[in-house]
Amino acid sequence: MSKAPLNLDERNINIILRICTVLYVLTLASLIVTQLYRQFVLHQATQEWQDIANIIAFNVIVLLGSVLCLGGITPQKVKLGHILVLYAGFVLIGVIFTIFKYAILLGQKVSLAEVRNYLVIVSVICGALIAAWSLLTYLGKKRIEKRLE
């Protein structure tokens, strides 16, 4: 029987996991600050910061999906009303942020037709995300129930 190169007990593993979590959050926050600085302070072209924005978006979407699926959050009952309120909240925040970005941060005039377009785009994106996360939550709940049996 070969001996493991590192003799880690549960306490050591938990410490390592906490350190990794803190560093992950700090890295993600740094990426967000860097992307916003490049976009709004340096006024760089979209091509110069889009890769960072894509990494941030992918990271957050996968992080939330993974937490929901792997059981970090296990709601007792996923109700349609809760999902709809969450969806409406995401849409509202998304539209407000988009209008704020264009009208205030970029100083562009935003027409009512553009607000309608923003609402449609944000609604579709939020709908897809909420549907995917709801499915992952359901699958995570079923996975935990199966493990308990």
C-alpha atoms as a PDB file:
ATOM      1  CA  MET A   1       0.000   0.000   0.000  1.00  0.00           C
ATOM      2  CA  SER A   2       1.552   3.287  -1.083  1.00  0.00           C
ATOM      3  CA  LYS A   3       1.436   6.313   1.138  1.00  0.00           C
ATOM      4  CA  ALA A   4      -0.078   9.554  -0.205  1.00  0.00           C
ATOM      5  CA  PRO A   5       2.514  12.301  -0.831  1.00  0.00           C
ATOM      6  CA  LEU A   6       0.522  14.737   1.331  1.00  0.00           C
ATOM      7  CA  ASN A   7      -1.021  13.607   4.556  1.00  0.00           C
ATOM      8  CA  LEU A   8      -4.134  15.817   4.642  1.00  0.00           C
ATOM      9  CA  ASP A   9      -6.878  15.347   7.162  1.00  0.00           C
ATOM     10  CA  GLU A  10     -10.342  16.906   7.025  1.00  0.00           C
ATOM     11  CA  ARG A  11      -9.213  20.080   8.833  1.00  0.00           C
ATOM     12  CA  ASN A  12      -6.369  20.674   6.366  1.00  0.00           C
ATOM     13  CA  ILE A  13      -8.669  20.112   3.410  1.00  0.00           C
ATOM     14  CA  ASN A  14     -11.228  22.590   4.821  1.00  0.00           C
ATOM     15  CA  ILE A  15      -8.512  25.226   5.306  1.00  0.00           C
ATOM     16  CA  ILE A  16      -7.299  24.728   1.732  1.00  0.00           C
ATOM     17  CA  LEU A  17     -10.879  24.975   0.420  1.00  0.00           C
ATOM     18  CA  ARG A  18     -11.460  28.225   2.354  1.00  0.00           C
ATOM     19  CA  ILE A  19      -8.228  29.712   1.017  1.00  0.00           C
ATOM     20  CA  CYS A  20      -9.160  28.719  -2.547  1.00  0.00           C
ATOM     21  CA  THR A  21     -12.619  30.231  -2.137  1.00  0.00           C
ATOM     22  CA  VAL A  22     -11.259  33.550  -0.869  1.00  0.00           C
ATOM     23  CA  LEU A  23      -8.688  33.701  -3.663  1.00  0.00           C
ATOM     24  CA  TYR A  24     -11.360  32.845  -6.241  1.00  0.00           C
ATOM     25  CA  VAL A  25     -13.614  35.651  -5.005  1.00  0.00           C
ATOM     26  CA  LEU A  26     -10.700  38.118  -4.943  1.00  0.00           C
ATOM     27  CA  THR A  27      -9.686  37.132  -8.470  1.00  0.00           C
ATOM     28  CA  LEU A  28     -13.222  37.508  -9.768  1.00  0.00           C
ATOM     29  CA  ALA A  29     -13.607  40.887  -8.035  1.00  0.00           C
ATOM     30  CA  SER A  30     -10.277  42.018  -9.512  1.00  0.00           C
ATOM     31  CA  LEU A  31     -11.397  41.004 -12.985  1.00  0.00           C
ATOM     32  CA  ILE A  32     -14.638  42.941 -12.553  1.00  0.00           C
ATOM     33  CA  VAL A  33     -12.832  46.077 -11.349  1.00  0.00           C
ATOM     34  CA  THR A  34     -10.306  45.795 -14.187  1.00  0.00           C
ATOM     35  CA  GLN A  35     -13.038  45.396 -16.806  1.00  0.00           C
ATOM     36  CA  LEU A  36     -15.061  48.334 -15.476  1.00  0.00           C
ATOM     37  CA  TYR A  37     -11.950  50.519 -15.239  1.00  0.00           C
ATOM     38  CA  ARG A  38     -11.000  49.766 -18.839  1.00  0.00           C
ATOM     39  CA  GLN A  39     -14.540  50.359 -20.073  1.00  0.00           C
ATOM     40  CA  PHE A  40     -15.557  53.496 -18.174  1.00  0.00           C
ATOM     41  CA  VAL A  41     -12.341  55.217 -17.044  1.00  0.00           C
ATOM     42  CA  LEU A  42      -9.989  54.468 -19.919  1.00  0.00           C
ATOM     43  CA  HIS A  43     -12.845  54.392 -22.484  1.00  0.00           C
ATOM     44  CA  GLN A  44     -11.193  51.532 -24.325  1.00  0.00           C
ATOM     45  CA  ALA A  45     -12.851  49.965 -27.323  1.00  0.00           C
ATOM     46  CA  THR A  46     -15.085  46.973 -26.643  1.00  0.00           C
ATOM     47  CA  GLN A  47     -12.571  44.622 -28.279  1.00  0.00           C
ATOM     48  CA  GLU A  48      -9.980  45.550 -25.635  1.00  0.00           C
ATOM     49  CA  TRP A  49     -12.042  44.432 -22.617  1.00  0.00           C
ATOM     50  CA  GLN A  50     -14.628  42.032 -24.055  1.00  0.00           C
ATOM     51  CA  ASP A  51     -12.502  38.963 -23.300  1.00  0.00           C
ATOM     52  CA  ILE A  52     -12.393  39.857 -19.604  1.00  0.00           C
ATOM     53  CA  ALA A  53     -16.173  40.465 -19.582  1.00  0.00           C
ATOM     54  CA  ASN A  54     -16.745  37.061 -21.197  1.00  0.00           C
ATOM     55  CA  ILE A  55     -14.568  35.330 -18.591  1.00  0.00           C
ATOM     56  CA  ILE A  56     -16.455  37.090 -15.777  1.00  0.00           C
ATOM     57  CA  ALA A  57     -19.878  36.217 -17.220  1.00  0.00           C
ATOM     58  CA  PHE A  58     -18.952  32.580 -17.864  1.00  0.00           C
ATOM     59  CA  ASN A  59     -17.446  32.261 -14.381  1.00  0.00           C
ATOM     60  CA  VAL A  60     -20.473  33.688 -12.560  1.00  0.00           C
ATOM     61  CA  ILE A  61     -22.993  31.684 -14.602  1.00  0.00           C
ATOM     62  CA  VAL A  62     -21.134  28.407 -14.076  1.00  0.00           C
ATOM     63  CA  LEU A  63     -20.487  29.188 -10.392  1.00  0.00           C
ATOM     64  CA  LEU A  64     -24.171  29.747  -9.658  1.00  0.00           C
ATOM     65  CA  GLY A  65     -25.198  26.706 -11.685  1.00  0.00           C
ATOM     66  CA  SER A  66     -22.639  24.523  -9.945  1.00  0.00           C
ATOM     67  CA  VAL A  67     -23.700  25.669  -6.482  1.00  0.00           C
ATOM     68  CA  LEU A  68     -27.337  24.976  -7.335  1.00  0.00           C
ATOM     69  CA  CYS A  69     -26.675  21.594  -8.927  1.00  0.00           C
ATOM     70  CA  LEU A  70     -24.147  20.240  -6.459  1.00  0.00           C
ATOM     71  CA  GLY A  71     -26.314  21.046  -3.482  1.00  0.00           C
ATOM     72  CA  GLY A  72     -24.815  24.165  -1.982  1.00  0.00           C
ATOM     73  CA  ILE A  73     -28.352  25.535  -2.010  1.00  0.00           C
ATOM     74  CA  THR A  74     -31.167  23.048  -1.697  1.00  0.00           C
ATOM     75  CA  PRO A  75     -34.570  24.686  -1.496  1.00  0.00           C
ATOM     76  CA  GLN A  76     -37.211  22.524   0.162  1.00  0.00           C
ATOM     77  CA  LYS A  77     -39.805  23.402  -2.434  1.00  0.00           C
ATOM     78  CA  VAL A  78     -39.058  25.223  -5.652  1.00  0.00           C
ATOM     79  CA  LYS A  79     -42.249  27.141  -6.319  1.00  0.00           C
ATOM     80  CA  LEU A  80     -43.122  28.769  -9.606  1.00  0.00           C
ATOM     81  CA  GLY A  81     -43.964  32.016  -7.806  1.00  0.00           C
ATOM     82  CA  HIS A  82     -40.467  32.259  -6.349  1.00  0.00           C
ATOM     83  CA  ILE A  83     -38.915  31.625  -9.754  1.00  0.00           C
ATOM     84  CA  LEU A  84     -41.102  34.300 -11.373  1.00  0.00           C
ATOM     85  CA  VAL A  85     -40.231  36.868  -8.682  1.00  0.00           C
ATOM     86  CA  LEU A  86     -36.537  36.071  -9.132  1.00  0.00           C
ATOM     87  CA  TYR A  87     -36.916  36.413 -12.899  1.00  0.00           C
ATOM     88  CA  ALA A  88     -38.733  39.750 -12.598  1.00  0.00           C
ATOM     89  CA  GLY A  89     -36.058  41.007 -10.197  1.00  0.00           C
ATOM     90  CA  PHE A  90     -33.251  40.026 -12.566  1.00  0.00           C
ATOM     91  CA  VAL A  91     -35.022  41.679 -15.501  1.00  0.00           C
ATOM     92  CA  LEU A  92     -35.643  44.868 -13.518  1.00  0.00           C
ATOM     93  CA  ILE A  93     -32.040  45.083 -12.311  1.00  0.00           C
ATOM     94  CA  GLY A  94     -30.732  44.278 -15.803  1.00  0.00           C
ATOM     95  CA  VAL A  95     -32.820  46.950 -17.527  1.00  0.00           C
ATOM     96  CA  ILE A  96     -32.028  49.574 -14.892  1.00  0.00           C
ATOM     97  CA  PHE A  97     -28.308  48.805 -15.124  1.00  0.00           C
ATOM     98  CA  THR A  98     -28.391  48.913 -18.933  1.00  0.00           C
ATOM     99  CA  ILE A  99     -30.179  52.266 -18.983  1.00  0.00           C
ATOM    100  CA  PHE A 100     -27.780  53.599 -16.317  1.00  0.00           C
ATOM    101  CA  LYS A 101     -24.796  52.388 -18.317  1.00  0.00           C
ATOM    102  CA  TYR A 102     -25.817  54.051 -21.565  1.00  0.00           C
ATOM    103  CA  ALA A 103     -27.472  57.208 -20.184  1.00  0.00           C
ATOM    104  CA  ILE A 104     -25.196  58.060 -17.262  1.00  0.00           C
ATOM    105  CA  LEU A 105     -21.860  56.308 -17.680  1.00  0.00           C
ATOM    106  CA  LEU A 106     -21.566  56.632 -21.450  1.00  0.00           C
ATOM    107  CA  GLY A 107     -23.567  59.865 -21.737  1.00  0.00           C
ATOM    108  CA  GLN A 108     -25.726  58.657 -24.628  1.00  0.00           C
ATOM    109  CA  LYS A 109     -29.338  59.622 -25.195  1.00  0.00           C
ATOM    110  CA  VAL A 110     -31.623  56.633 -24.613  1.00  0.00           C
ATOM    111  CA  SER A 111     -34.954  56.630 -26.464  1.00  0.00           C
ATOM    112  CA  LEU A 112     -38.095  54.760 -25.479  1.00  0.00           C
ATOM    113  CA  ALA A 113     -37.594  52.366 -28.427  1.00  0.00           C
ATOM    114  CA  GLU A 114     -34.104  51.522 -27.142  1.00  0.00           C
ATOM    115  CA  VAL A 115     -35.485  50.907 -23.636  1.00  0.00           C
ATOM    116  CA  ARG A 116     -38.013  48.491 -25.184  1.00  0.00           C
ATOM    117  CA  ASN A 117     -35.183  46.718 -27.038  1.00  0.00           C
ATOM    118  CA  TYR A 118     -33.135  46.506 -23.825  1.00  0.00           C
ATOM    119  CA  LEU A 119     -36.166  45.036 -22.049  1.00  0.00           C
ATOM    120  CA  VAL A 120     -36.592  42.344 -24.711  1.00  0.00           C
ATOM    121  CA  ILE A 121     -32.901  41.414 -24.750  1.00  0.00           C
ATOM    122  CA  VAL A 122     -32.573  41.351 -20.960  1.00  0.00           C
ATOM    123  CA  SER A 123     -35.832  39.374 -20.622  1.00  0.00           C
ATOM    124  CA  VAL A 124     -34.648  36.667 -23.021  1.00  0.00           C
ATOM    125  CA  ILE A 125     -31.211  36.365 -21.403  1.00  0.00           C
ATOM    126  CA  CYS A 126     -32.639  36.318 -17.875  1.00  0.00           C
ATOM    127  CA  GLY A 127     -35.274  33.793 -18.937  1.00  0.00           C
ATOM    128  CA  ALA A 128     -32.628  31.439 -20.288  1.00  0.00           C
ATOM    129  CA  LEU A 129     -30.482  31.805 -17.165  1.00  0.00           C
ATOM    130  CA  ILE A 130     -33.385  31.324 -14.742  1.00  0.00           C
ATOM    131  CA  ALA A 131     -34.608  28.283 -16.701  1.00  0.00           C
ATOM    132  CA  ALA A 132     -31.145  26.712 -16.681  1.00  0.00           C
ATOM    133  CA  TRP A 133     -30.551  27.470 -12.987  1.00  0.00           C
ATOM    134  CA  SER A 134     -34.024  26.188 -12.054  1.00  0.00           C
ATOM    135  CA  LEU A 135     -33.328  22.946 -13.886  1.00  0.00           C
ATOM    136  CA  LEU A 136     -29.951  22.616 -12.169  1.00  0.00           C
ATOM    137  CA  THR A 137     -31.578  23.256  -8.784  1.00  0.00           C
ATOM    138  CA  TYR A 138     -34.150  20.557  -9.476  1.00  0.00           C
ATOM    139  CA  LEU A 139     -31.467  18.105 -10.634  1.00  0.00           C
ATOM    140  CA  GLY A 140     -29.324  18.925  -7.592  1.00  0.00           C
ATOM    141  CA  LYS A 141     -32.258  18.311  -5.279  1.00  0.00           C
ATOM    142  CA  LYS A 142     -32.980  14.964  -6.957  1.00  0.00           C
ATOM    143  CA  ARG A 143     -29.284  14.055  -6.734  1.00  0.00           C
ATOM    144  CA  ILE A 144     -29.240  14.723  -2.996  1.00  0.00           C
ATOM    145  CA  GLU A 145     -32.470  12.769  -2.461  1.00  0.00           C
ATOM    146  CA  LYS A 146     -30.983   9.829  -4.365  1.00  0.00           C
ATOM    147  CA  ARG A 147     -27.820   9.952  -2.250  1.00  0.00           C
ATOM    148  CA  LEU A 148     -29.866   9.935   0.957  1.00  0.00           C
ATOM    149  CA  GLU A 149     -31.708   6.768  -0.073  1.00  0.00           C
END
